[in-house]
């Protein structure tokens, strides 16, 4: 990924908690610094993930993404 200048990040309960302890808004950080985002299942239904989608894709993003927290 470095050869292509792609920055990747994973967000899960541990990385989110660590960022919060350091006073970092992890969702805002990945929005501006990351090309590839790996998200754990429990993070899919969080308000931060939904806000990331809305901020990145606008309010017109595909309606099925509203159901992303219900994936099984």
PDB file of N, CA and C in Angstrom:
ATOM      1  N   UNK A   1       0.806  -1.181   0.000  1.00  0.00           N
ATOM      2  CA  UNK A   1       0.000   0.000   0.000  1.00  0.00           C
ATOM      3  C   UNK A   1       0.860   1.261   0.000  1.00  0.00           C
ATOM      4  N   UNK A   2       1.989   1.187   0.640  1.00  0.00           N
ATOM      5  CA  UNK A   2       2.859   2.360   0.679  1.00  0.00           C
ATOM      6  C   UNK A   2       3.344   2.745  -0.711  1.00  0.00           C
ATOM      7  N   UNK A   3       3.568   1.744  -1.564  1.00  0.00           N
ATOM      8  CA  UNK A   3       4.006   2.034  -2.926  1.00  0.00           C
ATOM      9  C   UNK A   3       2.963   2.858  -3.677  1.00  0.00           C
ATOM     10  N   UNK A   4       1.700   2.669  -3.326  1.00  0.00           N
ATOM     11  CA  UNK A   4       0.608   3.396  -3.970  1.00  0.00           C
ATOM     12  C   UNK A   4       0.162   4.609  -3.149  1.00  0.00           C
ATOM     13  N   UNK A   5       0.876   4.870  -2.060  1.00  0.00           N
ATOM     14  CA  UNK A   5       0.586   5.994  -1.162  1.00  0.00           C
ATOM     15  C   UNK A   5      -0.832   5.923  -0.599  1.00  0.00           C
ATOM     16  N   UNK A   6      -1.214   4.710  -0.184  1.00  0.00           N
ATOM     17  CA  UNK A   6      -2.514   4.491   0.441  1.00  0.00           C
ATOM     18  C   UNK A   6      -2.325   4.320   1.940  1.00  0.00           C
ATOM     19  N   UNK A   7      -3.097   5.038   2.695  1.00  0.00           N
ATOM     20  CA  UNK A   7      -3.061   4.942   4.154  1.00  0.00           C
ATOM     21  C   UNK A   7      -4.254   4.112   4.602  1.00  0.00           C
ATOM     22  N   UNK A   8      -4.006   3.083   5.400  1.00  0.00           N
ATOM     23  CA  UNK A   8      -5.076   2.207   5.888  1.00  0.00           C
ATOM     24  C   UNK A   8      -5.173   2.313   7.402  1.00  0.00           C
ATOM     25  N   UNK A   9      -6.375   2.103   7.912  1.00  0.00           N
ATOM     26  CA  UNK A   9      -6.600   2.133   9.353  1.00  0.00           C
ATOM     27  C   UNK A   9      -7.712   1.161   9.692  1.00  0.00           C
ATOM     28  N   UNK A  10      -7.625   0.572  10.867  1.00  0.00           N
ATOM     29  CA  UNK A  10      -8.684  -0.304  11.376  1.00  0.00           C
ATOM     30  C   UNK A  10      -9.326   0.378  12.576  1.00  0.00           C
ATOM     31  N   UNK A  11     -10.648   0.311  12.628  1.00  0.00           N
ATOM     32  CA  UNK A  11     -11.361   0.837  13.791  1.00  0.00           C
ATOM     33  C   UNK A  11     -12.150  -0.303  14.410  1.00  0.00           C
ATOM     34  N   UNK A  12     -11.867  -0.521  15.679  1.00  0.00           N
ATOM     35  CA  UNK A  12     -12.608  -1.508  16.461  1.00  0.00           C
ATOM     36  C   UNK A  12     -12.778  -0.919  17.862  1.00  0.00           C
ATOM     37  N   UNK A  13     -13.344  -1.686  18.769  1.00  0.00           N
ATOM     38  CA  UNK A  13     -13.601  -1.168  20.116  1.00  0.00           C
ATOM     39  C   UNK A  13     -12.317  -0.694  20.799  1.00  0.00           C
ATOM     40  N   UNK A  14     -11.227  -1.410  20.606  1.00  0.00           N
ATOM     41  CA  UNK A  14      -9.958  -1.057  21.268  1.00  0.00           C
ATOM     42  C   UNK A  14      -9.365   0.217  20.675  1.00  0.00           C
ATOM     43  N   UNK A  15      -9.292   0.307  19.350  1.00  0.00           N
ATOM     44  CA  UNK A  15      -8.707   1.504  18.739  1.00  0.00           C
ATOM     45  C   UNK A  15      -9.558   2.735  19.018  1.00  0.00           C
ATOM     46  N   UNK A  16     -10.878   2.563  19.055  1.00  0.00           N
ATOM     47  CA  UNK A  16     -11.777   3.683  19.359  1.00  0.00           C
ATOM     48  C   UNK A  16     -11.575   4.146  20.798  1.00  0.00           C
ATOM     49  N   UNK A  17     -11.503   3.214  21.737  1.00  0.00           N
ATOM     50  CA  UNK A  17     -11.315   3.560  23.144  1.00  0.00           C
ATOM     51  C   UNK A  17      -9.956   4.235  23.354  1.00  0.00           C
ATOM     52  N   UNK A  18      -8.921   3.726  22.710  1.00  0.00           N
ATOM     53  CA  UNK A  18      -7.585   4.320  22.827  1.00  0.00           C
ATOM     54  C   UNK A  18      -7.589   5.754  22.309  1.00  0.00           C
ATOM     55  N   UNK A  19      -8.216   5.966  21.163  1.00  0.00           N
ATOM     56  CA  UNK A  19      -8.287   7.313  20.592  1.00  0.00           C
ATOM     57  C   UNK A  19      -9.046   8.257  21.519  1.00  0.00           C
ATOM     58  N   UNK A  20     -10.150   7.785  22.080  1.00  0.00           N
ATOM     59  CA  UNK A  20     -10.934   8.623  22.994  1.00  0.00           C
ATOM     60  C   UNK A  20     -10.120   9.017  24.220  1.00  0.00           C
ATOM     61  N   UNK A  21      -9.332   8.087  24.759  1.00  0.00           N
ATOM     62  CA  UNK A  21      -8.488   8.397  25.919  1.00  0.00           C
ATOM     63  C   UNK A  21      -7.453   9.461  25.583  1.00  0.00           C
ATOM     64  N   UNK A  22      -7.021   9.488  24.312  1.00  0.00           N
ATOM     65  CA  UNK A  22      -6.025  10.462  23.866  1.00  0.00           C
ATOM     66  C   UNK A  22      -6.673  11.754  23.366  1.00  0.00           C
ATOM     67  N   UNK A  23      -8.004  11.832  23.461  1.00  0.00           N
ATOM     68  CA  UNK A  23      -8.711  13.031  23.022  1.00  0.00           C
ATOM     69  C   UNK A  23      -8.817  13.169  21.515  1.00  0.00           C
ATOM     70  N   UNK A  24      -8.739  12.051  20.810  1.00  0.00           N
ATOM     71  CA  UNK A  24      -8.779  12.056  19.348  1.00  0.00           C
ATOM     72  C   UNK A  24     -10.154  11.598  18.874  1.00  0.00           C
ATOM     73  N   UNK A  25     -10.733  12.346  17.950  1.00  0.00           N
ATOM     74  CA  UNK A  25     -11.961  11.907  17.299  1.00  0.00           C
ATOM     75  C   UNK A  25     -11.537  11.024  16.132  1.00  0.00           C
ATOM     76  N   UNK A  26     -11.566   9.719  16.344  1.00  0.00           N
ATOM     77  CA  UNK A  26     -11.035   8.779  15.354  1.00  0.00           C
ATOM     78  C   UNK A  26     -11.790   8.844  14.033  1.00  0.00           C
ATOM     79  N   UNK A  27     -13.098   9.120  14.093  1.00  0.00           N
ATOM     80  CA  UNK A  27     -13.887   9.190  12.857  1.00  0.00           C
ATOM     81  C   UNK A  27     -13.471  10.399  12.023  1.00  0.00           C
ATOM     82  N   UNK A  28     -13.234  11.522  12.674  1.00  0.00           N
ATOM     83  CA  UNK A  28     -12.796  12.712  11.946  1.00  0.00           C
ATOM     84  C   UNK A  28     -11.391  12.488  11.381  1.00  0.00           C
ATOM     85  N   UNK A  29     -10.545  11.841  12.162  1.00  0.00           N
ATOM     86  CA  UNK A  29      -9.174  11.582  11.733  1.00  0.00           C
ATOM     87  C   UNK A  29      -9.138  10.722  10.474  1.00  0.00           C
ATOM     88  N   UNK A  30      -9.911   9.653  10.451  1.00  0.00           N
ATOM     89  CA  UNK A  30      -9.870   8.777   9.275  1.00  0.00           C
ATOM     90  C   UNK A  30     -10.504   9.432   8.061  1.00  0.00           C
ATOM     91  N   UNK A  31     -11.414  10.356   8.293  1.00  0.00           N
ATOM     92  CA  UNK A  31     -12.063  11.023   7.173  1.00  0.00           C
ATOM     93  C   UNK A  31     -11.065  11.819   6.340  1.00  0.00           C
ATOM     94  N   UNK A  32     -10.058  12.376   6.981  1.00  0.00           N
ATOM     95  CA  UNK A  32      -9.111  13.214   6.249  1.00  0.00           C
ATOM     96  C   UNK A  32      -7.765  12.535   5.984  1.00  0.00           C
ATOM     97  N   UNK A  33      -7.451  11.454   6.695  1.00  0.00           N
ATOM     98  CA  UNK A  33      -6.117  10.881   6.584  1.00  0.00           C
ATOM     99  C   UNK A  33      -6.055   9.486   5.983  1.00  0.00           C
ATOM    100  N   UNK A  34      -7.186   8.842   5.731  1.00  0.00           N
ATOM    101  CA  UNK A  34      -7.175   7.420   5.398  1.00  0.00           C
ATOM    102  C   UNK A  34      -7.845   7.150   4.060  1.00  0.00           C
ATOM    103  N   UNK A  35      -7.229   6.272   3.266  1.00  0.00           N
ATOM    104  CA  UNK A  35      -7.794   5.841   1.985  1.00  0.00           C
ATOM    105  C   UNK A  35      -8.575   4.545   2.119  1.00  0.00           C
ATOM    106  N   UNK A  36      -8.117   3.666   3.018  1.00  0.00           N
ATOM    107  CA  UNK A  36      -8.735   2.352   3.218  1.00  0.00           C
ATOM    108  C   UNK A  36      -9.088   2.214   4.692  1.00  0.00           C
ATOM    109  N   UNK A  37     -10.360   1.926   4.957  1.00  0.00           N
ATOM    110  CA  UNK A  37     -10.825   1.814   6.334  1.00  0.00           C
ATOM    111  C   UNK A  37     -11.403   0.429   6.571  1.00  0.00           C
ATOM    112  N   UNK A  38     -10.853  -0.268   7.565  1.00  0.00           N
ATOM    113  CA  UNK A  38     -11.372  -1.570   7.986  1.00  0.00           C
ATOM    114  C   UNK A  38     -12.138  -1.337   9.279  1.00  0.00           C
ATOM    115  N   UNK A  39     -13.400  -1.746   9.296  1.00  0.00           N
ATOM    116  CA  UNK A  39     -14.264  -1.468  10.438  1.00  0.00           C
ATOM    117  C   UNK A  39     -14.788  -2.778  10.995  1.00  0.00           C
ATOM    118  N   UNK A  40     -14.684  -2.946  12.308  1.00  0.00           N
ATOM    119  CA  UNK A  40     -15.210  -4.155  12.944  1.00  0.00           C
ATOM    120  C   UNK A  40     -16.738  -4.105  12.935  1.00  0.00           C
ATOM    121  N   UNK A  41     -17.383  -5.261  13.007  1.00  0.00           N
ATOM    122  CA  UNK A  41     -18.850  -5.298  12.954  1.00  0.00           C
ATOM    123  C   UNK A  41     -19.529  -4.414  13.998  1.00  0.00           C
ATOM    124  N   UNK A  42     -18.989  -4.368  15.216  1.00  0.00           N
ATOM    125  CA  UNK A  42     -19.654  -3.565  16.247  1.00  0.00           C
ATOM    126  C   UNK A  42     -19.581  -2.070  15.963  1.00  0.00           C
ATOM    127  N   UNK A  43     -18.635  -1.644  15.152  1.00  0.00           N
ATOM    128  CA  UNK A  43     -18.515  -0.226  14.820  1.00  0.00           C
ATOM    129  C   UNK A  43     -19.472   0.193  13.704  1.00  0.00           C
ATOM    130  N   UNK A  44     -19.991  -0.772  12.938  1.00  0.00           N
ATOM    131  CA  UNK A  44     -20.870  -0.444  11.815  1.00  0.00           C
ATOM    132  C   UNK A  44     -22.134   0.284  12.239  1.00  0.00           C
ATOM    133  N   UNK A  45     -22.620   0.009  13.428  1.00  0.00           N
ATOM    134  CA  UNK A  45     -23.883   0.610  13.859  1.00  0.00           C
ATOM    135  C   UNK A  45     -23.692   1.812  14.785  1.00  0.00           C
ATOM    136  N   UNK A  46     -22.483   2.321  14.894  1.00  0.00           N
ATOM    137  CA  UNK A  46     -22.240   3.467  15.769  1.00  0.00           C
ATOM    138  C   UNK A  46     -22.567   4.779  15.057  1.00  0.00           C
ATOM    139  N   UNK A  47     -22.950   5.791  15.817  1.00  0.00           N
ATOM    140  CA  UNK A  47     -23.220   7.099  15.212  1.00  0.00           C
ATOM    141  C   UNK A  47     -22.006   7.662  14.466  1.00  0.00           C
ATOM    142  N   UNK A  48     -20.802   7.390  14.963  1.00  0.00           N
ATOM    143  CA  UNK A  48     -19.599   7.898  14.297  1.00  0.00           C
ATOM    144  C   UNK A  48     -19.442   7.361  12.893  1.00  0.00           C
ATOM    145  N   UNK A  49     -19.736   6.077  12.697  1.00  0.00           N
ATOM    146  CA  UNK A  49     -19.623   5.486  11.366  1.00  0.00           C
ATOM    147  C   UNK A  49     -20.677   6.069  10.437  1.00  0.00           C
ATOM    148  N   UNK A  50     -21.893   6.216  10.941  1.00  0.00           N
ATOM    149  CA  UNK A  50     -22.958   6.803  10.122  1.00  0.00           C
ATOM    150  C   UNK A  50     -22.605   8.236   9.729  1.00  0.00           C
ATOM    151  N   UNK A  51     -22.080   9.013  10.673  1.00  0.00           N
ATOM    152  CA  UNK A  51     -21.668  10.384  10.366  1.00  0.00           C
ATOM    153  C   UNK A  51     -20.549  10.416   9.337  1.00  0.00           C
ATOM    154  N   UNK A  52     -19.633   9.458   9.428  1.00  0.00           N
ATOM    155  CA  UNK A  52     -18.550   9.379   8.451  1.00  0.00           C
ATOM    156  C   UNK A  52     -19.121   9.185   7.051  1.00  0.00           C
ATOM    157  N   UNK A  53     -20.102   8.291   6.922  1.00  0.00           N
ATOM    158  CA  UNK A  53     -20.730   8.067   5.622  1.00  0.00           C
ATOM    159  C   UNK A  53     -21.448   9.316   5.132  1.00  0.00           C
ATOM    160  N   UNK A  54     -22.210   9.940   6.012  1.00  0.00           N
ATOM    161  CA  UNK A  54     -22.941  11.146   5.619  1.00  0.00           C
ATOM    162  C   UNK A  54     -22.001  12.264   5.207  1.00  0.00           C
ATOM    163  N   UNK A  55     -20.940  12.461   5.978  1.00  0.00           N
ATOM    164  CA  UNK A  55     -19.985  13.520   5.659  1.00  0.00           C
ATOM    165  C   UNK A  55     -19.213  13.230   4.387  1.00  0.00           C
ATOM    166  N   UNK A  56     -18.914  11.967   4.140  1.00  0.00           N
ATOM    167  CA  UNK A  56     -18.128  11.598   2.965  1.00  0.00           C
ATOM    168  C   UNK A  56     -18.963  11.555   1.694  1.00  0.00           C
ATOM    169  N   UNK A  57     -20.183  11.010   1.803  1.00  0.00           N
ATOM    170  CA  UNK A  57     -20.997  10.767   0.609  1.00  0.00           C
ATOM    171  C   UNK A  57     -22.200  11.679   0.499  1.00  0.00           C
ATOM    172  N   UNK A  58     -22.471  12.478   1.506  1.00  0.00           N
ATOM    173  CA  UNK A  58     -23.624  13.363   1.483  1.00  0.00           C
ATOM    174  C   UNK A  58     -24.901  12.640   1.883  1.00  0.00           C
ATOM    175  N   UNK A  59     -25.958  13.416   2.071  1.00  0.00           N
ATOM    176  CA  UNK A  59     -27.217  12.842   2.542  1.00  0.00           C
ATOM    177  C   UNK A  59     -27.887  11.961   1.499  1.00  0.00           C
ATOM    178  N   UNK A  60     -27.415  12.000   0.257  1.00  0.00           N
ATOM    179  CA  UNK A  60     -28.024  11.191  -0.788  1.00  0.00           C
ATOM    180  C   UNK A  60     -27.375   9.832  -0.968  1.00  0.00           C
ATOM    181  N   UNK A  61     -26.521   9.393  -0.014  1.00  0.00           N
ATOM    182  CA  UNK A  61     -25.879   8.094  -0.200  1.00  0.00           C
ATOM    183  C   UNK A  61     -26.929   6.994  -0.232  1.00  0.00           C
ATOM    184  N   UNK A  62     -26.587   5.896  -0.840  1.00  0.00           N
ATOM    185  CA  UNK A  62     -27.552   4.827  -1.094  1.00  0.00           C
ATOM    186  C   UNK A  62     -28.338   4.439   0.146  1.00  0.00           C
ATOM    187  N   UNK A  63     -29.665   4.390   0.035  1.00  0.00           N
ATOM    188  CA  UNK A  63     -30.521   4.090   1.192  1.00  0.00           C
ATOM    189  C   UNK A  63     -30.183   2.776   1.900  1.00  0.00           C
ATOM    190  N   UNK A  64     -29.666   1.791   1.202  1.00  0.00           N
ATOM    191  CA  UNK A  64     -29.348   0.519   1.857  1.00  0.00           C
ATOM    192  C   UNK A  64     -28.256   0.678   2.911  1.00  0.00           C
ATOM    193  N   UNK A  65     -27.430   1.695   2.788  1.00  0.00           N
ATOM    194  CA  UNK A  65     -26.396   1.904   3.796  1.00  0.00           C
ATOM    195  C   UNK A  65     -26.997   2.281   5.149  1.00  0.00           C
ATOM    196  N   UNK A  66     -28.247   2.743   5.158  1.00  0.00           N
ATOM    197  CA  UNK A  66     -28.917   3.019   6.431  1.00  0.00           C
ATOM    198  C   UNK A  66     -29.104   1.744   7.242  1.00  0.00           C
ATOM    199  N   UNK A  67     -29.118   0.611   6.568  1.00  0.00           N
ATOM    200  CA  UNK A  67     -29.325  -0.677   7.226  1.00  0.00           C
ATOM    201  C   UNK A  67     -28.015  -1.372   7.588  1.00  0.00           C
ATOM    202  N   UNK A  68     -26.893  -0.718   7.407  1.00  0.00           N
ATOM    203  CA  UNK A  68     -25.592  -1.369   7.570  1.00  0.00           C
ATOM    204  C   UNK A  68     -25.385  -1.919   8.985  1.00  0.00           C
ATOM    205  N   UNK A  69     -26.000  -1.316   9.971  1.00  0.00           N
ATOM    206  CA  UNK A  69     -25.874  -1.805  11.340  1.00  0.00           C
ATOM    207  C   UNK A  69     -26.624  -3.105  11.600  1.00  0.00           C
ATOM    208  N   UNK A  70     -27.468  -3.499  10.662  1.00  0.00           N
ATOM    209  CA  UNK A  70     -28.278  -4.706  10.837  1.00  0.00           C
ATOM    210  C   UNK A  70     -27.749  -5.899  10.054  1.00  0.00           C
ATOM    211  N   UNK A  71     -26.579  -5.786   9.459  1.00  0.00           N
ATOM    212  CA  UNK A  71     -25.987  -6.875   8.673  1.00  0.00           C
ATOM    213  C   UNK A  71     -25.737  -8.076   9.572  1.00  0.00           C
ATOM    214  N   UNK A  72     -26.067  -9.240   9.064  1.00  0.00           N
ATOM    215  CA  UNK A  72     -25.822 -10.471   9.833  1.00  0.00           C
ATOM    216  C   UNK A  72     -25.106 -11.463   8.976  1.00  0.00           C
TER     217      UNK A  72
END
